[in-house]
Amino acid sequence: MTHAISRKTPLKKSFLVKFLCFLNVVSFAGFLGCYLFQVNALTEETYLVQEYQQRSKETSAENAELEMRLSQTNSLGKVKELVAGMNFEKTTHFRYIKLTSSEVAVRTK
């Protein structure tokens, strides 16, 4: 009987060792797959950050150009051209009106 018991024990150990080896290989493959997935996601995020930084630089440059164009559009020379186009004339003589009371407008009946 002792011979039969000792013979079954190595078979159980052999099966257990094979099962643990299989479990290790499956776990390793799973961890490798997760690692590759995370490296891929990290690479994609890095690429997107660089792309967004480039777009930010381009937008900042465009904003600076638009600000410069706005300041040129609102310059005093443009205002003078606008006034000349509205047929205004330059005045040299001023005459002030003296009011007798503090009221600016009075309703009359």
Protein backbone atom coordinates (compact mmCIF):
# COMPACT_ATOMS: atom_id res chain seq x y z
CA MET A 1 0.00 0.00 0.00
CA THR A 2 2.76 2.41 0.71
CA HIS A 3 3.99 1.84 -2.80
CA ALA A 4 0.63 2.88 -4.31
CA ILE A 5 0.43 6.04 -2.20
CA SER A 6 3.93 7.13 -3.05
CA ARG A 7 3.25 6.58 -6.75
CA LYS A 8 0.14 8.84 -6.78
CA THR A 9 1.92 11.68 -5.02
CA PRO A 10 4.42 12.33 -7.87
CA LEU A 11 1.55 12.35 -10.38
CA LYS A 12 -0.30 14.93 -8.33
CA LYS A 13 2.86 17.01 -8.00
CA SER A 14 3.54 16.66 -11.72
CA PHE A 15 0.00 17.84 -12.55
CA LEU A 16 0.31 20.69 -10.05
CA VAL A 17 3.67 21.77 -11.50
CA LYS A 18 2.27 21.70 -15.05
CA PHE A 19 -0.79 23.66 -13.97
CA LEU A 20 1.35 26.28 -12.21
CA CYS A 21 3.61 26.58 -15.26
CA PHE A 22 0.57 27.02 -17.49
CA LEU A 23 -0.84 29.60 -15.07
CA ASN A 24 2.50 31.44 -15.09
CA VAL A 25 2.61 31.52 -18.89
CA VAL A 26 -0.98 32.78 -19.10
CA SER A 27 -0.30 35.42 -16.45
CA PHE A 28 2.87 36.52 -18.21
CA ALA A 29 1.01 36.81 -21.52
CA GLY A 30 -1.74 38.80 -19.84
CA PHE A 31 0.71 41.17 -18.17
CA LEU A 32 2.63 41.57 -21.42
CA GLY A 33 -0.60 42.43 -23.23
CA CYS A 34 -1.51 45.01 -20.57
CA TYR A 35 1.99 46.48 -20.75
CA LEU A 36 1.82 46.83 -24.54
CA PHE A 37 -1.62 48.41 -24.29
CA GLN A 38 -0.41 50.95 -21.73
CA VAL A 39 2.72 51.80 -23.74
CA ASN A 40 0.53 52.32 -26.81
CA ALA A 41 -1.84 54.59 -24.85
CA LEU A 42 1.08 56.56 -23.41
CA THR A 43 2.60 57.05 -26.86
CA GLU A 44 -0.74 58.21 -28.25
CA GLU A 45 -1.22 60.70 -25.39
CA THR A 46 2.31 62.07 -25.88
CA TYR A 47 1.64 62.56 -29.57
CA LEU A 48 -1.65 64.35 -28.83
CA VAL A 49 0.02 66.65 -26.28
CA GLN A 50 2.67 67.62 -28.83
CA GLU A 51 -0.01 68.23 -31.45
CA TYR A 52 -2.03 70.42 -29.06
CA GLN A 53 1.07 72.39 -28.12
CA GLN A 54 1.77 73.02 -31.81
CA ARG A 55 -1.83 74.16 -32.34
CA SER A 56 -1.54 76.42 -29.30
CA LYS A 57 1.59 78.06 -30.72
CA GLU A 58 -0.11 78.56 -34.08
CA THR A 59 -3.19 80.05 -32.42
CA SER A 60 -1.06 82.39 -30.31
CA ALA A 61 0.79 83.58 -33.41
CA GLU A 62 -2.50 84.13 -35.24
CA ASN A 63 -3.88 86.01 -32.23
CA ALA A 64 -0.84 88.31 -32.16
CA GLU A 65 -1.25 89.00 -35.88
CA LEU A 66 -4.96 89.78 -35.43
CA GLU A 67 -4.20 92.12 -32.54
CA MET A 68 -1.67 93.95 -34.69
CA ARG A 69 -4.16 94.26 -37.55
CA LEU A 70 -6.81 95.53 -35.13
CA SER A 71 -4.51 98.20 -33.76
CA GLN A 72 -3.67 99.30 -37.32
CA THR A 73 -7.35 99.41 -38.22
CA ASN A 74 -8.21 101.54 -35.19
CA SER A 75 -5.32 103.95 -35.70
CA LEU A 76 -5.79 107.71 -35.81
CA GLY A 77 -5.14 107.80 -39.55
CA LYS A 78 -8.16 105.61 -40.19
CA VAL A 79 -10.29 107.88 -38.01
CA LYS A 80 -9.14 110.92 -39.99
CA GLU A 81 -10.04 109.16 -43.25
CA LEU A 82 -13.47 108.30 -41.82
CA VAL A 83 -14.05 111.93 -40.75
CA ALA A 84 -12.99 113.21 -44.17
CA GLY A 85 -15.42 110.81 -45.81
CA MET A 86 -18.28 112.20 -43.67
CA ASN A 87 -17.69 115.78 -44.94
CA PHE A 88 -16.75 117.24 -41.55
CA GLU A 89 -14.77 120.46 -41.53
CA LYS A 90 -12.06 121.63 -39.18
CA THR A 91 -13.21 124.46 -36.94
CA THR A 92 -11.13 127.41 -35.85
CA HIS A 93 -13.70 129.58 -34.08
CA PHE A 94 -15.66 128.49 -31.01
CA ARG A 95 -18.63 130.28 -29.51
CA TYR A 96 -20.12 129.18 -26.22
CA ILE A 97 -23.75 129.58 -25.26
CA LYS A 98 -24.41 130.91 -21.76
CA LEU A 99 -27.35 129.38 -19.97
CA THR A 100 -29.32 131.39 -17.44
CA SER A 101 -30.36 128.40 -15.38
CA SER A 102 -28.90 124.99 -14.55
CA GLU A 103 -31.44 123.24 -16.77
CA VAL A 104 -30.26 121.96 -20.11
CA ALA A 105 -33.69 121.21 -21.58
CA VAL A 106 -37.03 122.63 -20.50
CA ARG A 107 -40.47 121.44 -21.49
CA THR A 108 -42.74 124.21 -22.62
CA LYS A 109 -46.53 124.03 -22.83
